[in-house]
Amino acid sequence: MQILLEVPEEIASQFAGKPGGVSRAALEALAVEGVRSGKLTVHQASNMLNIPSRYEMDGFLKAHGVFLPITLDDVVRDGETASAYAK
């Protein structure tokens, strides 16, 4: 779907030097807010942004102030999984 946004030129020009410009910034903002609000899963947002790796997506979200809830059980399970592969 295409969405048309009207952005004042002086604001749009601030994004001109960044890859994708204002369009990419708007798409990233939508993905961040989607995950933060629970309207998008991390997987959906990573697909939307063409970020292939879960680790890259986690880094992207952290850089934008979105920290996913994690429990002690999650950490223990991840540790056990990592240990199983290390053997």
Foldseek 3Di string as FASTA:
>chain_A
DDDDDDDPPVVQVVQVVPVPGPNLVVLLVVLLVCCQVVVDPLVRSCVSNVPPDPVVSCVSNVVVVDDDDDDPVNVVVVVVVVVVVVD
